[in-house]
């Protein structure tokens, strides 16, 4: 009789997906906040204080790359992929 080896992958997978979705949500919120701040700076609505416009744009591109990297993982749900891909295509 062959023994079936049980692994914890089936238990850990939903938890990992939940953590990745949570991280993706946080990255999306940060991206939106930085994007709105850049818009306000570019249109003269807000003045530069601590961070320069170039630093904010660099931060936004880093967030975009992090979002794209998370979306490249096959374990994310279709809903998360749709939401994040719509946001990353804004610029």
PDB file of N, CA and C in Angstrom:
ATOM      1  N   UNK A   1       0.840  -1.174   0.000  1.00  0.00           N
ATOM      2  CA  UNK A   1       0.000   0.000   0.000  1.00  0.00           C
ATOM      3  C   UNK A   1       0.891   1.246   0.000  1.00  0.00           C
ATOM      4  N   UNK A   2       0.623   2.148  -0.905  1.00  0.00           N
ATOM      5  CA  UNK A   2       1.403   3.374  -1.009  1.00  0.00           C
ATOM      6  C   UNK A   2       0.849   4.418  -0.048  1.00  0.00           C
ATOM      7  N   UNK A   3       1.760   5.131   0.553  1.00  0.00           N
ATOM      8  CA  UNK A   3       1.366   6.190   1.478  1.00  0.00           C
ATOM      9  C   UNK A   3       1.314   7.514   0.735  1.00  0.00           C
ATOM     10  N   UNK A   4       0.306   8.280   1.058  1.00  0.00           N
ATOM     11  CA  UNK A   4       0.179   9.602   0.454  1.00  0.00           C
ATOM     12  C   UNK A   4       0.811  10.624   1.392  1.00  0.00           C
ATOM     13  N   UNK A   5       1.775  11.329   0.872  1.00  0.00           N
ATOM     14  CA  UNK A   5       2.473  12.332   1.656  1.00  0.00           C
ATOM     15  C   UNK A   5       1.681  13.636   1.605  1.00  0.00           C
ATOM     16  N   UNK A   6       1.279  14.102   2.755  1.00  0.00           N
ATOM     17  CA  UNK A   6       0.529  15.358   2.827  1.00  0.00           C
ATOM     18  C   UNK A   6       1.489  16.510   3.046  1.00  0.00           C
ATOM     19  N   UNK A   7       1.313  17.534   2.282  1.00  0.00           N
ATOM     20  CA  UNK A   7       2.109  18.739   2.469  1.00  0.00           C
ATOM     21  C   UNK A   7       1.197  19.858   2.922  1.00  0.00           C
ATOM     22  N   UNK A   8       1.788  20.914   3.350  1.00  0.00           N
ATOM     23  CA  UNK A   8       1.011  22.058   3.814  1.00  0.00           C
ATOM     24  C   UNK A   8       0.753  23.065   2.703  1.00  0.00           C
ATOM     25  N   UNK A   9       1.111  22.728   1.469  1.00  0.00           N
ATOM     26  CA  UNK A   9       0.903  23.641   0.351  1.00  0.00           C
ATOM     27  C   UNK A   9      -0.564  23.972   0.162  1.00  0.00           C
ATOM     28  N   UNK A  10      -1.418  22.972   0.303  1.00  0.00           N
ATOM     29  CA  UNK A  10      -2.849  23.226   0.087  1.00  0.00           C
ATOM     30  C   UNK A  10      -3.424  24.125   1.168  1.00  0.00           C
ATOM     31  N   UNK A  11      -2.844  24.091   2.353  1.00  0.00           N
ATOM     32  CA  UNK A  11      -3.314  24.950   3.438  1.00  0.00           C
ATOM     33  C   UNK A  11      -2.695  26.342   3.319  1.00  0.00           C
ATOM     34  N   UNK A  12      -1.431  26.382   2.961  1.00  0.00           N
ATOM     35  CA  UNK A  12      -0.730  27.667   2.910  1.00  0.00           C
ATOM     36  C   UNK A  12      -1.113  28.492   1.685  1.00  0.00           C
ATOM     37  N   UNK A  13      -1.537  27.853   0.613  1.00  0.00           N
ATOM     38  CA  UNK A  13      -1.831  28.583  -0.623  1.00  0.00           C
ATOM     39  C   UNK A  13      -2.894  29.669  -0.435  1.00  0.00           C
ATOM     40  N   UNK A  14      -4.046  29.377   0.178  1.00  0.00           N
ATOM     41  CA  UNK A  14      -5.023  30.463   0.362  1.00  0.00           C
ATOM     42  C   UNK A  14      -4.489  31.594   1.234  1.00  0.00           C
ATOM     43  N   UNK A  15      -3.695  31.260   2.217  1.00  0.00           N
ATOM     44  CA  UNK A  15      -3.115  32.303   3.077  1.00  0.00           C
ATOM     45  C   UNK A  15      -2.138  33.167   2.292  1.00  0.00           C
ATOM     46  N   UNK A  16      -1.322  32.535   1.458  1.00  0.00           N
ATOM     47  CA  UNK A  16      -0.378  33.300   0.642  1.00  0.00           C
ATOM     48  C   UNK A  16      -1.112  34.202  -0.337  1.00  0.00           C
ATOM     49  N   UNK A  17      -2.172  33.695  -0.924  1.00  0.00           N
ATOM     50  CA  UNK A  17      -2.952  34.502  -1.866  1.00  0.00           C
ATOM     51  C   UNK A  17      -3.564  35.698  -1.146  1.00  0.00           C
ATOM     52  N   UNK A  18      -4.086  35.462   0.058  1.00  0.00           N
ATOM     53  CA  UNK A  18      -4.677  36.557   0.831  1.00  0.00           C
ATOM     54  C   UNK A  18      -3.625  37.615   1.168  1.00  0.00           C
ATOM     55  N   UNK A  19      -2.430  37.170   1.546  1.00  0.00           N
ATOM     56  CA  UNK A  19      -1.363  38.120   1.858  1.00  0.00           C
ATOM     57  C   UNK A  19      -0.937  38.906   0.623  1.00  0.00           C
ATOM     58  N   UNK A  20      -0.865  38.220  -0.529  1.00  0.00           N
ATOM     59  CA  UNK A  20      -0.485  38.908  -1.758  1.00  0.00           C
ATOM     60  C   UNK A  20      -1.552  39.908  -2.169  1.00  0.00           C
ATOM     61  N   UNK A  21      -2.818  39.544  -2.010  1.00  0.00           N
ATOM     62  CA  UNK A  21      -3.900  40.473  -2.343  1.00  0.00           C
ATOM     63  C   UNK A  21      -3.889  41.682  -1.413  1.00  0.00           C
ATOM     64  N   UNK A  22      -3.570  41.436  -0.135  1.00  0.00           N
ATOM     65  CA  UNK A  22      -3.477  42.540   0.818  1.00  0.00           C
ATOM     66  C   UNK A  22      -2.329  43.477   0.437  1.00  0.00           C
ATOM     67  N   UNK A  23      -1.191  42.903   0.077  1.00  0.00           N
ATOM     68  CA  UNK A  23      -0.046  43.719  -0.329  1.00  0.00           C
ATOM     69  C   UNK A  23      -0.366  44.499  -1.598  1.00  0.00           C
ATOM     70  N   UNK A  24      -1.039  43.839  -2.532  1.00  0.00           N
ATOM     71  CA  UNK A  24      -1.418  44.508  -3.771  1.00  0.00           C
ATOM     72  C   UNK A  24      -2.344  45.686  -3.487  1.00  0.00           C
ATOM     73  N   UNK A  25      -3.275  45.509  -2.578  1.00  0.00           N
ATOM     74  CA  UNK A  25      -4.188  46.599  -2.218  1.00  0.00           C
ATOM     75  C   UNK A  25      -3.432  47.773  -1.611  1.00  0.00           C
ATOM     76  N   UNK A  26      -2.472  47.471  -0.729  1.00  0.00           N
ATOM     77  CA  UNK A  26      -1.675  48.546  -0.129  1.00  0.00           C
ATOM     78  C   UNK A  26      -0.857  49.281  -1.172  1.00  0.00           C
ATOM     79  N   UNK A  27      -0.261  48.530  -2.097  1.00  0.00           N
ATOM     80  CA  UNK A  27       0.522  49.165  -3.155  1.00  0.00           C
ATOM     81  C   UNK A  27      -0.358  50.044  -4.037  1.00  0.00           C
ATOM     82  N   UNK A  28      -1.573  49.575  -4.329  1.00  0.00           N
ATOM     83  CA  UNK A  28      -2.493  50.364  -5.154  1.00  0.00           C
ATOM     84  C   UNK A  28      -2.868  51.670  -4.462  1.00  0.00           C
ATOM     85  N   UNK A  29      -3.126  51.600  -3.157  1.00  0.00           N
ATOM     86  CA  UNK A  29      -3.467  52.818  -2.416  1.00  0.00           C
ATOM     87  C   UNK A  29      -2.294  53.797  -2.400  1.00  0.00           C
ATOM     88  N   UNK A  30      -1.091  53.281  -2.200  1.00  0.00           N
ATOM     89  CA  UNK A  30       0.090  54.146  -2.225  1.00  0.00           C
ATOM     90  C   UNK A  30       0.280  54.759  -3.606  1.00  0.00           C
ATOM     91  N   UNK A  31       0.080  53.956  -4.645  1.00  0.00           N
ATOM     92  CA  UNK A  31       0.234  54.443  -6.017  1.00  0.00           C
ATOM     93  C   UNK A  31      -0.752  55.575  -6.286  1.00  0.00           C
ATOM     94  N   UNK A  32      -2.006  55.376  -5.887  1.00  0.00           N
ATOM     95  CA  UNK A  32      -3.024  56.404  -6.103  1.00  0.00           C
ATOM     96  C   UNK A  32      -2.675  57.694  -5.371  1.00  0.00           C
ATOM     97  N   UNK A  33      -2.199  57.580  -4.127  1.00  0.00           N
ATOM     98  CA  UNK A  33      -1.850  58.770  -3.345  1.00  0.00           C
ATOM     99  C   UNK A  33      -0.694  59.532  -3.988  1.00  0.00           C
ATOM    100  N   UNK A  34       0.329  58.810  -4.416  1.00  0.00           N
ATOM    101  CA  UNK A  34       1.479  59.456  -5.054  1.00  0.00           C
ATOM    102  C   UNK A  34       1.068  60.065  -6.388  1.00  0.00           C
ATOM    103  N   UNK A  35       0.242  59.349  -7.142  1.00  0.00           N
ATOM    104  CA  UNK A  35      -0.214  59.845  -8.440  1.00  0.00           C
ATOM    105  C   UNK A  35      -1.023  61.133  -8.281  1.00  0.00           C
ATOM    106  N   UNK A  36      -1.891  61.180  -7.280  1.00  0.00           N
ATOM    107  CA  UNK A  36      -2.677  62.393  -7.028  1.00  0.00           C
ATOM    108  C   UNK A  36      -1.782  63.554  -6.599  1.00  0.00           C
ATOM    109  N   UNK A  37      -0.781  63.256  -5.787  1.00  0.00           N
ATOM    110  CA  UNK A  37       0.138  64.316  -5.350  1.00  0.00           C
ATOM    111  C   UNK A  37       0.920  64.869  -6.533  1.00  0.00           C
ATOM    112  N   UNK A  38       1.376  63.993  -7.415  1.00  0.00           N
ATOM    113  CA  UNK A  38       2.096  64.440  -8.614  1.00  0.00           C
ATOM    114  C   UNK A  38       1.184  65.317  -9.462  1.00  0.00           C
ATOM    115  N   UNK A  39      -0.060  64.924  -9.615  1.00  0.00           N
ATOM    116  CA  UNK A  39      -1.015  65.716 -10.396  1.00  0.00           C
ATOM    117  C   UNK A  39      -1.164  67.113  -9.800  1.00  0.00           C
ATOM    118  N   UNK A  40      -1.305  67.188  -8.462  1.00  0.00           N
ATOM    119  CA  UNK A  40      -1.466  68.484  -7.810  1.00  0.00           C
ATOM    120  C   UNK A  40      -0.221  69.348  -7.969  1.00  0.00           C
ATOM    121  N   UNK A  41       0.955  68.735  -7.893  1.00  0.00           N
ATOM    122  CA  UNK A  41       2.198  69.491  -8.060  1.00  0.00           C
ATOM    123  C   UNK A  41       2.359  69.984  -9.490  1.00  0.00           C
ATOM    124  N   UNK A  42       2.067  69.119 -10.458  1.00  0.00           N
ATOM    125  CA  UNK A  42       2.224  69.494 -11.867  1.00  0.00           C
ATOM    126  C   UNK A  42       1.265  70.601 -12.278  1.00  0.00           C
ATOM    127  N   UNK A  43       0.092  70.640 -11.661  1.00  0.00           N
ATOM    128  CA  UNK A  43      -0.907  71.639 -12.027  1.00  0.00           C
ATOM    129  C   UNK A  43      -0.880  72.876 -11.134  1.00  0.00           C
ATOM    130  N   UNK A  44       0.098  72.962 -10.244  1.00  0.00           N
ATOM    131  CA  UNK A  44       0.241  74.146  -9.409  1.00  0.00           C
ATOM    132  C   UNK A  44      -0.758  74.257  -8.284  1.00  0.00           C
ATOM    133  N   UNK A  45      -1.489  73.210  -8.008  1.00  0.00           N
ATOM    134  CA  UNK A  45      -2.475  73.232  -6.925  1.00  0.00           C
ATOM    135  C   UNK A  45      -1.766  73.176  -5.572  1.00  0.00           C
ATOM    136  N   UNK A  46      -0.658  72.467  -5.537  1.00  0.00           N
ATOM    137  CA  UNK A  46       0.091  72.273  -4.300  1.00  0.00           C
ATOM    138  C   UNK A  46       1.554  72.628  -4.547  1.00  0.00           C
ATOM    139  N   UNK A  47       2.210  73.149  -3.519  1.00  0.00           N
ATOM    140  CA  UNK A  47       3.627  73.492  -3.650  1.00  0.00           C
ATOM    141  C   UNK A  47       4.486  72.349  -3.143  1.00  0.00           C
ATOM    142  N   UNK A  48       5.701  72.252  -3.705  1.00  0.00           N
ATOM    143  CA  UNK A  48       6.651  71.230  -3.255  1.00  0.00           C
ATOM    144  C   UNK A  48       7.103  71.563  -1.846  1.00  0.00           C
ATOM    145  N   UNK A  49       7.153  70.547  -1.006  1.00  0.00           N
ATOM    146  CA  UNK A  49       7.627  70.766   0.360  1.00  0.00           C
ATOM    147  C   UNK A  49       8.916  69.992   0.588  1.00  0.00           C
ATOM    148  N   UNK A  50       8.803  68.729   0.923  1.00  0.00           N
ATOM    149  CA  UNK A  50       9.991  67.941   1.248  1.00  0.00           C
ATOM    150  C   UNK A  50      10.520  67.178   0.037  1.00  0.00           C
ATOM    151  N   UNK A  51       9.633  66.539  -0.694  1.00  0.00           N
ATOM    152  CA  UNK A  51      10.055  65.728  -1.828  1.00  0.00           C
ATOM    153  C   UNK A  51       9.912  66.497  -3.126  1.00  0.00           C
ATOM    154  N   UNK A  52      10.874  66.332  -3.994  1.00  0.00           N
ATOM    155  CA  UNK A  52      10.783  66.983  -5.292  1.00  0.00           C
ATOM    156  C   UNK A  52       9.854  66.183  -6.206  1.00  0.00           C
ATOM    157  N   UNK A  53       9.457  66.804  -7.267  1.00  0.00           N
ATOM    158  CA  UNK A  53       8.584  66.147  -8.235  1.00  0.00           C
ATOM    159  C   UNK A  53       9.276  64.923  -8.841  1.00  0.00           C
ATOM    160  N   UNK A  54      10.563  65.044  -9.120  1.00  0.00           N
ATOM    161  CA  UNK A  54      11.314  63.918  -9.690  1.00  0.00           C
ATOM    162  C   UNK A  54      11.353  62.736  -8.727  1.00  0.00           C
ATOM    163  N   UNK A  55      11.508  63.007  -7.435  1.00  0.00           N
ATOM    164  CA  UNK A  55      11.527  61.934  -6.442  1.00  0.00           C
ATOM    165  C   UNK A  55      10.171  61.242  -6.366  1.00  0.00           C
ATOM    166  N   UNK A  56       9.100  62.017  -6.440  1.00  0.00           N
ATOM    167  CA  UNK A  56       7.760  61.423  -6.421  1.00  0.00           C
ATOM    168  C   UNK A  56       7.511  60.572  -7.669  1.00  0.00           C
ATOM    169  N   UNK A  57       7.965  61.048  -8.813  1.00  0.00           N
ATOM    170  CA  UNK A  57       7.787  60.276 -10.047  1.00  0.00           C
ATOM    171  C   UNK A  57       8.582  58.977  -9.985  1.00  0.00           C
ATOM    172  N   UNK A  58       9.758  59.031  -9.398  1.00  0.00           N
ATOM    173  CA  UNK A  58      10.566  57.822  -9.242  1.00  0.00           C
ATOM    174  C   UNK A  58       9.883  56.841  -8.288  1.00  0.00           C
ATOM    175  N   UNK A  59       9.320  57.365  -7.215  1.00  0.00           N
ATOM    176  CA  UNK A  59       8.591  56.516  -6.268  1.00  0.00           C
ATOM    177  C   UNK A  59       7.380  55.870  -6.944  1.00  0.00           C
ATOM    178  N   UNK A  60       6.668  56.650  -7.750  1.00  0.00           N
ATOM    179  CA  UNK A  60       5.500  56.114  -8.461  1.00  0.00           C
ATOM    180  C   UNK A  60       5.902  55.006  -9.426  1.00  0.00           C
ATOM    181  N   UNK A  61       7.006  55.177 -10.135  1.00  0.00           N
ATOM    182  CA  UNK A  61       7.431  54.130 -11.073  1.00  0.00           C
ATOM    183  C   UNK A  61       7.860  52.874 -10.322  1.00  0.00           C
ATOM    184  N   UNK A  62       8.455  53.034  -9.144  1.00  0.00           N
ATOM    185  CA  UNK A  62       8.801  51.874  -8.324  1.00  0.00           C
ATOM    186  C   UNK A  62       7.565  51.124  -7.856  1.00  0.00           C
ATOM    187  N   UNK A  63       6.543  51.875  -7.447  1.00  0.00           N
ATOM    188  CA  UNK A  63       5.286  51.237  -7.041  1.00  0.00           C
ATOM    189  C   UNK A  63       4.645  50.505  -8.216  1.00  0.00           C
ATOM    190  N   UNK A  64       4.687  51.120  -9.395  1.00  0.00           N
ATOM    191  CA  UNK A  64       4.126  50.490 -10.585  1.00  0.00           C
ATOM    192  C   UNK A  64       4.843  49.169 -10.886  1.00  0.00           C
ATOM    193  N   UNK A  65       6.174  49.173 -10.759  1.00  0.00           N
ATOM    194  CA  UNK A  65       6.943  47.949 -11.002  1.00  0.00           C
ATOM    195  C   UNK A  65       6.609  46.874  -9.975  1.00  0.00           C
ATOM    196  N   UNK A  66       6.425  47.272  -8.710  1.00  0.00           N
ATOM    197  CA  UNK A  66       6.049  46.304  -7.677  1.00  0.00           C
ATOM    198  C   UNK A  66       4.685  45.689  -7.974  1.00  0.00           C
ATOM    199  N   UNK A  67       3.750  46.522  -8.417  1.00  0.00           N
ATOM    200  CA  UNK A  67       2.411  46.021  -8.757  1.00  0.00           C
ATOM    201  C   UNK A  67       2.491  45.056  -9.922  1.00  0.00           C
ATOM    202  N   UNK A  68       3.249  45.421 -10.947  1.00  0.00           N
ATOM    203  CA  UNK A  68       3.386  44.539 -12.112  1.00  0.00           C
ATOM    204  C   UNK A  68       4.066  43.229 -11.739  1.00  0.00           C
ATOM    205  N   UNK A  69       5.039  43.288 -10.838  1.00  0.00           N
ATOM    206  CA  UNK A  69       5.731  42.076 -10.391  1.00  0.00           C
ATOM    207  C   UNK A  69       4.767  41.155  -9.643  1.00  0.00           C
ATOM    208  N   UNK A  70       3.913  41.740  -8.796  1.00  0.00           N
ATOM    209  CA  UNK A  70       2.927  40.928  -8.090  1.00  0.00           C
ATOM    210  C   UNK A  70       1.920  40.313  -9.058  1.00  0.00           C
ATOM    211  N   UNK A  71       1.536  41.073 -10.061  1.00  0.00           N
ATOM    212  CA  UNK A  71       0.564  40.561 -11.031  1.00  0.00           C
ATOM    213  C   UNK A  71       1.141  39.474 -11.907  1.00  0.00           C
ATOM    214  N   UNK A  72       2.449  39.438 -12.038  1.00  0.00           N
ATOM    215  CA  UNK A  72       3.088  38.419 -12.861  1.00  0.00           C
ATOM    216  C   UNK A  72       3.036  37.050 -12.195  1.00  0.00           C
ATOM    217  N   UNK A  73       2.800  37.020 -10.901  1.00  0.00           N
ATOM    218  CA  UNK A  73       2.686  35.744 -10.191  1.00  0.00           C
ATOM    219  C   UNK A  73       1.372  35.095 -10.559  1.00  0.00           C
ATOM    220  N   UNK A  74       1.388  33.802 -10.852  1.00  0.00           N
ATOM    221  CA  UNK A  74       0.174  33.122 -11.306  1.00  0.00           C
ATOM    222  C   UNK A  74      -0.855  32.873 -10.217  1.00  0.00           C
ATOM    223  N   UNK A  75      -0.516  33.087  -8.953  1.00  0.00           N
ATOM    224  CA  UNK A  75      -1.437  32.729  -7.885  1.00  0.00           C
ATOM    225  C   UNK A  75      -2.444  33.817  -7.534  1.00  0.00           C
ATOM    226  N   UNK A  76      -2.362  34.973  -8.169  1.00  0.00           N
ATOM    227  CA  UNK A  76      -3.340  36.020  -7.876  1.00  0.00           C
ATOM    228  C   UNK A  76      -4.656  35.735  -8.580  1.00  0.00           C
ATOM    229  N   UNK A  77      -5.718  36.169  -7.972  1.00  0.00           N
ATOM    230  CA  UNK A  77      -7.034  35.946  -8.568  1.00  0.00           C
ATOM    231  C   UNK A  77      -7.241  36.864  -9.767  1.00  0.00           C
ATOM    232  N   UNK A  78      -8.180  36.511 -10.626  1.00  0.00           N
ATOM    233  CA  UNK A  78      -8.472  37.307 -11.820  1.00  0.00           C
ATOM    234  C   UNK A  78      -8.972  38.697 -11.442  1.00  0.00           C
ATOM    235  N   UNK A  79      -9.748  38.798 -10.367  1.00  0.00           N
ATOM    236  CA  UNK A  79     -10.288  40.085  -9.959  1.00  0.00           C
ATOM    237  C   UNK A  79      -9.160  41.051  -9.595  1.00  0.00           C
ATOM    238  N   UNK A  80      -8.184  40.572  -8.830  1.00  0.00           N
ATOM    239  CA  UNK A  80      -7.068  41.427  -8.447  1.00  0.00           C
ATOM    240  C   UNK A  80      -6.258  41.840  -9.657  1.00  0.00           C
ATOM    241  N   UNK A  81      -6.075  40.920 -10.598  1.00  0.00           N
ATOM    242  CA  UNK A  81      -5.323  41.239 -11.799  1.00  0.00           C
ATOM    243  C   UNK A  81      -6.022  42.326 -12.589  1.00  0.00           C
ATOM    244  N   UNK A  82      -7.339  42.230 -12.712  1.00  0.00           N
ATOM    245  CA  UNK A  82      -8.086  43.223 -13.472  1.00  0.00           C
ATOM    246  C   UNK A  82      -7.990  44.586 -12.810  1.00  0.00           C
ATOM    247  N   UNK A  83      -8.180  44.624 -11.499  1.00  0.00           N
ATOM    248  CA  UNK A  83      -8.152  45.887 -10.775  1.00  0.00           C
ATOM    249  C   UNK A  83      -6.801  46.572 -10.886  1.00  0.00           C
ATOM    250  N   UNK A  84      -5.743  45.834 -10.664  1.00  0.00           N
ATOM    251  CA  UNK A  84      -4.416  46.428 -10.676  1.00  0.00           C
ATOM    252  C   UNK A  84      -3.965  46.766 -12.086  1.00  0.00           C
ATOM    253  N   UNK A  85      -4.322  45.951 -13.070  1.00  0.00           N
ATOM    254  CA  UNK A  85      -3.896  46.257 -14.430  1.00  0.00           C
ATOM    255  C   UNK A  85      -4.589  47.506 -14.949  1.00  0.00           C
ATOM    256  N   UNK A  86      -5.806  47.743 -14.517  1.00  0.00           N
ATOM    257  CA  UNK A  86      -6.508  48.963 -14.924  1.00  0.00           C
ATOM    258  C   UNK A  86      -5.819  50.183 -14.321  1.00  0.00           C
ATOM    259  N   UNK A  87      -5.311  50.042 -13.106  1.00  0.00           N
ATOM    260  CA  UNK A  87      -4.663  51.171 -12.467  1.00  0.00           C
ATOM    261  C   UNK A  87      -3.279  51.423 -13.050  1.00  0.00           C
ATOM    262  N   UNK A  88      -2.526  50.378 -13.351  1.00  0.00           N
ATOM    263  CA  UNK A  88      -1.182  50.572 -13.843  1.00  0.00           C
ATOM    264  C   UNK A  88      -1.166  51.090 -15.270  1.00  0.00           C
ATOM    265  N   UNK A  89      -2.259  50.982 -15.971  1.00  0.00           N
ATOM    266  CA  UNK A  89      -2.293  51.471 -17.344  1.00  0.00           C
ATOM    267  C   UNK A  89      -2.654  52.947 -17.430  1.00  0.00           C
ATOM    268  N   UNK A  90      -2.818  53.629 -16.280  1.00  0.00           N
ATOM    269  CA  UNK A  90      -3.192  55.042 -16.309  1.00  0.00           C
ATOM    270  C   UNK A  90      -2.071  55.924 -16.810  1.00  0.00           C
ATOM    271  N   UNK A  91      -0.837  55.503 -16.629  1.00  0.00           N
ATOM    272  CA  UNK A  91       0.294  56.325 -17.084  1.00  0.00           C
ATOM    273  C   UNK A  91       1.245  55.491 -17.868  1.00  0.00           C
TER     274      UNK A  91
END
